[in-house]
Protein backbone atom coordinates (compact mmCIF):
# COMPACT_ATOMS: atom_id res chain seq x y z
CA UNK A 1 -19.02 1.23 7.03
CA UNK A 2 -17.88 -1.79 4.49
CA UNK A 3 -13.95 -2.01 5.37
CA UNK A 4 -11.86 -4.31 3.47
CA UNK A 5 -7.92 -5.12 3.74
CA UNK A 6 -6.56 -5.87 0.58
CA UNK A 7 -3.37 -8.35 1.26
CA UNK A 8 -0.82 -8.66 -1.69
CA UNK A 9 1.05 -11.97 -1.41
CA UNK A 10 4.08 -13.23 -3.58
CA UNK A 11 5.85 -16.08 -2.05
CA UNK A 12 4.60 -15.55 1.30
CA UNK A 13 4.32 -19.25 2.91
CA UNK A 14 6.13 -18.29 5.83
CA UNK A 15 4.13 -15.64 6.73
CA UNK A 16 0.59 -15.11 5.08
CA UNK A 17 -1.13 -17.70 7.59
CA UNK A 18 0.11 -15.91 10.79
CA UNK A 19 -0.69 -12.29 8.86
CA UNK A 20 -4.65 -13.25 8.25
CA UNK A 21 -4.81 -14.88 11.54
CA UNK A 22 -3.91 -11.92 13.49
CA UNK A 23 -6.66 -9.62 11.30
CA UNK A 24 -9.23 -12.56 12.32
CA UNK A 25 -8.00 -12.88 16.10
CA UNK A 26 -8.68 -8.80 16.02
CA UNK A 27 -11.71 -7.21 17.48
CA UNK A 28 -11.87 -5.51 14.07
CA UNK A 29 -15.26 -5.82 12.18
CA UNK A 30 -13.80 -6.08 8.70
CA UNK A 31 -13.61 -8.15 5.69
CA UNK A 32 -9.96 -8.98 4.07
CA UNK A 33 -9.03 -10.41 0.61
CA UNK A 34 -5.77 -12.23 0.23
CA UNK A 35 -4.21 -11.42 -3.90
CA UNK A 36 -1.84 -14.61 -4.54
CA UNK A 37 0.02 -13.06 -7.11
CA UNK A 38 1.42 -16.04 -8.97
CA UNK A 39 3.36 -17.15 -5.88
CA UNK A 40 5.48 -20.04 -7.02
CA UNK A 41 6.00 -21.28 -3.41
CA UNK A 42 3.10 -23.24 -1.18
CA UNK A 43 1.03 -19.67 -0.29
CA UNK A 44 -1.81 -20.89 -2.44
CA UNK A 45 -1.97 -24.21 -0.78
CA UNK A 46 -1.52 -22.41 2.56
CA UNK A 47 -4.55 -20.00 1.43
CA UNK A 48 -6.60 -23.21 0.31
CA UNK A 49 -6.11 -25.71 3.16
CA UNK A 50 -6.59 -22.95 5.67
CA UNK A 51 -9.79 -21.63 3.67
CA UNK A 52 -8.49 -18.19 3.55
CA UNK A 53 -10.30 -15.70 1.39
CA UNK A 54 -8.44 -15.02 -1.53
CA UNK A 55 -7.94 -14.38 -5.28
CA UNK A 56 -5.38 -16.48 -7.43
CA UNK A 57 -3.56 -14.56 -10.20
CA UNK A 58 -2.44 -17.21 -12.91
CA UNK A 59 0.70 -15.02 -13.40
CA UNK A 60 2.59 -13.15 -11.05
CA UNK A 61 1.37 -8.81 -12.19
CA UNK A 62 3.73 -7.12 -9.53
CA UNK A 63 2.62 -4.93 -6.71
CA UNK A 64 0.93 -2.67 -8.59
CA UNK A 65 -1.12 -5.42 -10.51
CA UNK A 66 -2.13 -7.53 -7.39
CA UNK A 67 -2.92 -4.31 -5.33
CA UNK A 68 -5.38 -2.94 -8.38
CA UNK A 69 -7.23 -6.56 -8.39
CA UNK A 70 -7.92 -5.95 -4.72
CA UNK A 71 -9.60 -2.63 -5.59
CA UNK A 72 -11.53 -3.83 -8.51
CA UNK A 73 -12.61 -6.50 -5.86
CA UNK A 74 -13.50 -3.70 -3.08
CA UNK A 75 -15.36 -1.52 -5.75
CA UNK A 76 -17.26 -4.08 -7.27
CA UNK A 77 -18.20 -5.57 -3.92
CA UNK A 78 -19.32 -1.45 -2.61
CA UNK A 79 -16.82 -1.16 0.10
CA UNK A 80 -16.36 2.25 1.62
CA UNK A 81 -12.88 1.89 2.76
CA UNK A 82 -10.32 -0.51 1.31
CA UNK A 83 -6.80 -0.70 3.43
CA UNK A 84 -3.32 -1.95 1.77
CA UNK A 85 -1.92 -4.31 3.88
CA UNK A 86 1.13 -6.28 3.25
CA UNK A 87 1.10 -9.96 3.85
CA UNK A 88 5.04 -10.22 4.95
CA UNK A 89 4.13 -9.18 8.46
CA UNK A 90 5.06 -5.63 8.73
CA UNK A 91 1.81 -4.03 9.21
CA UNK A 92 0.12 -3.88 12.38
CA UNK A 93 -3.33 -4.79 12.57
CA UNK A 94 -3.92 -2.80 15.65
CA UNK A 95 -3.30 0.76 13.58
CA UNK A 96 -6.04 -0.27 11.42
CA UNK A 97 -8.75 1.98 13.13
CA UNK A 98 -6.17 4.93 13.58
CA UNK A 99 -5.61 5.22 9.48
CA UNK A 100 -9.40 4.73 9.26
CA UNK A 101 -10.65 7.42 11.24
CA UNK A 102 -9.56 10.49 9.16
CA UNK A 103 -11.61 8.66 6.27
CA UNK A 104 -14.84 8.04 8.44
CA UNK A 105 -14.50 11.32 9.64
CA UNK A 106 -14.81 12.60 5.57
CA UNK A 107 -11.23 14.67 6.93
CA UNK A 108 -9.44 13.05 3.84
CA UNK A 109 -9.45 10.58 1.00
CA UNK A 110 -6.10 8.79 1.94
CA UNK A 111 -4.42 8.12 4.80
CA UNK A 112 -0.65 6.93 4.53
CA UNK A 113 0.78 4.93 7.78
CA UNK A 114 4.19 6.20 8.00
CA UNK A 115 6.71 5.19 9.90
CA UNK A 116 9.12 8.33 9.72
CA UNK A 117 6.32 11.04 10.67
CA UNK A 118 6.77 10.00 14.51
CA UNK A 119 10.35 7.92 14.77
CA UNK A 120 9.37 7.04 18.36
CA UNK A 121 5.95 5.23 17.31
CA UNK A 122 7.93 2.96 15.50
CA UNK A 123 11.35 0.89 16.53
CA UNK A 124 11.71 -0.24 12.97
CA UNK A 125 12.82 2.17 10.62
CA UNK A 126 13.96 0.25 7.80
CA UNK A 127 17.90 0.49 6.51
CA UNK A 128 19.74 3.41 6.01
CA UNK A 129 19.37 2.86 2.15
CA UNK A 130 15.53 2.93 2.14
CA UNK A 131 15.40 5.69 4.60
CA UNK A 132 17.35 7.78 2.52
CA UNK A 133 15.88 6.69 -0.81
CA UNK A 134 12.30 7.60 0.87
CA UNK A 135 13.57 11.16 1.88
CA UNK A 136 14.28 11.91 -1.47
CA UNK A 137 11.40 10.45 -2.70
CA UNK A 138 9.59 12.78 -0.50
CA UNK A 139 11.82 15.56 -1.57
CA UNK A 140 10.67 15.38 -4.85
CA UNK A 141 7.22 15.02 -4.13
CA UNK A 142 7.38 17.90 -2.61
CA UNK A 143 8.74 19.67 -5.26
CA UNK A 144 6.23 18.32 -7.99
CA UNK A 145 2.71 18.48 -5.70
CA UNK A 146 3.54 21.19 -2.78
CA UNK A 147 2.99 18.12 -0.10
CA UNK A 148 5.31 16.73 2.23
CA UNK A 149 4.83 13.04 2.60
CA UNK A 150 7.47 11.44 4.80
CA UNK A 151 6.78 7.93 4.05
CA UNK A 152 6.04 7.80 0.23
CA UNK A 153 6.74 4.19 -0.15
CA UNK A 154 4.29 2.78 2.52
CA UNK A 155 2.14 -0.15 1.55
CA UNK A 156 -0.02 0.58 4.62
CA UNK A 157 -2.56 3.32 3.22
CA UNK A 158 -6.47 3.63 3.64
CA UNK A 159 -8.67 5.10 0.91
CA UNK A 160 -12.25 6.37 0.73
CA UNK A 161 -15.36 5.16 -2.07
CA UNK A 162 -13.62 7.70 -4.45
CA UNK A 163 -10.30 6.57 -4.57
CA UNK A 164 -11.37 2.93 -4.64
CA UNK A 165 -13.17 3.59 -7.63
CA UNK A 166 -10.16 5.82 -9.32
CA UNK A 167 -7.94 2.72 -8.45
CA UNK A 168 -10.11 0.23 -9.87
CA UNK A 169 -9.70 2.23 -13.13
CA UNK A 170 -6.29 3.11 -13.04
CA UNK A 171 -3.60 2.16 -11.14
CA UNK A 172 0.33 2.31 -11.74
CA UNK A 173 2.27 -0.98 -12.09
CA UNK A 174 6.03 0.04 -11.54
CA UNK A 175 6.09 2.51 -8.39
CA UNK A 176 2.54 2.11 -7.15
CA UNK A 177 2.97 4.05 -3.89
CA UNK A 178 4.52 6.95 -4.71
CA UNK A 179 3.06 7.10 -8.27
CA UNK A 180 -0.58 6.84 -7.25
CA UNK A 181 -0.01 9.08 -4.16
CA UNK A 182 1.43 11.98 -6.78
CA UNK A 183 -1.76 11.26 -8.76
CA UNK A 184 -4.03 12.12 -5.99
CA UNK A 185 -2.26 15.16 -5.31
CA UNK A 186 -2.15 16.22 -8.59
CA UNK A 187 -6.20 15.93 -8.92
CA UNK A 188 -6.57 17.58 -5.57
CA UNK A 189 -7.15 14.52 -3.26
CA UNK A 190 -6.65 15.01 0.26
CA UNK A 191 -4.17 12.98 1.67
CA UNK A 192 -3.33 12.54 5.23
CA UNK A 193 -0.25 10.57 7.04
CA UNK A 194 -0.30 9.05 10.41
CA UNK A 195 2.21 7.85 12.30
CA UNK A 196 2.34 3.78 12.82
CA UNK A 197 4.71 1.30 14.19
CA UNK A 198 5.80 -1.46 11.47
CA UNK A 199 7.74 -4.69 11.88
CA UNK A 200 10.52 -6.14 10.35
CA UNK A 201 9.67 -8.60 7.72
CA UNK A 202 8.78 -12.00 9.58
CA UNK A 203 10.67 -14.03 6.59
CA UNK A 204 10.99 -14.35 2.78
CA UNK A 205 12.44 -11.71 0.57
CA UNK A 206 11.64 -8.26 -0.13
CA UNK A 207 10.34 -7.34 -3.63
CA UNK A 208 12.99 -4.76 -3.74
CA UNK A 209 16.34 -6.06 -3.20
CA UNK A 210 19.06 -4.26 -1.58
CA UNK A 211 21.37 -4.06 -4.61
CA UNK A 212 18.54 -2.46 -6.48
CA UNK A 213 17.74 0.57 -4.12
CA UNK A 214 19.46 3.23 -5.55
CA UNK A 215 17.98 2.13 -9.16
CA UNK A 216 15.01 1.84 -7.68
CA UNK A 217 14.89 5.51 -6.15
CA UNK A 218 16.25 7.25 -9.44
CA UNK A 219 13.48 5.30 -11.60
CA UNK A 220 10.83 6.68 -8.89
CA UNK A 221 12.21 9.86 -9.34
CA UNK A 222 11.95 9.97 -13.16
CA UNK A 223 8.40 8.75 -12.66
CA UNK A 224 7.33 11.12 -10.22
CA UNK A 225 8.42 13.87 -12.54
CA UNK A 226 6.91 12.77 -15.73
CA UNK A 227 3.65 11.67 -13.94
CA UNK A 228 3.35 15.13 -12.41
CA UNK A 229 3.67 16.89 -15.78
CA UNK A 230 1.39 14.38 -17.74
CA UNK A 231 -1.46 14.37 -14.67
CA UNK A 232 -1.31 18.16 -14.88
CA UNK A 233 -1.64 18.20 -18.50
CA UNK A 234 -4.48 15.95 -18.88
CA UNK A 235 -6.52 18.22 -16.17
CA UNK A 236 -6.29 21.32 -18.20
CA UNK A 237 -7.73 19.06 -21.16
């Protein structure tokens, strides 16, 4: 199977080379593509000087736009599985095979790497506010979609060819992980979570600052409710 890691990167000069080198030094026979999302630091220079496979976006599109660019690339190059993989060093390449297996076995359409499904698997659990926010978002996804997702904001996800095609055409830009999950659930795609270990960010800043966490959570919940209703209406038309 053709498998690719989609690595969105915005101002990741401190992390991106180490992240890609870990992938290259692993025993995995997979491809990768870094989506440089209009970085203002030396990310582009590092990618070019080290001859890393990448796409440069002229403007900053945000995480949703960067990831969709990766899905478009995966679709156009006929990949069977695409895996979202953060450029900040938080995701562990050793779990790639684990999250791909249910897709290879044709059990599900998407696998989410969760740090909360089995807390003994991952020492790093993020901040209290992030965990609290994730649990609230999880409750609303369950209410709207009848499916429990323990780590709805996880960016460590693998999808099959059908979902690659879907995400290449339509992918949310505001709150991509929870909204895209809702979209798949409403449209009867099968999703499974796998416990994984994640690491603390090695350097740089997260795209979601601490003081924005509550505001982010409220907006995500509203988006989930609106999306679930609109997706269901579209299905009936």
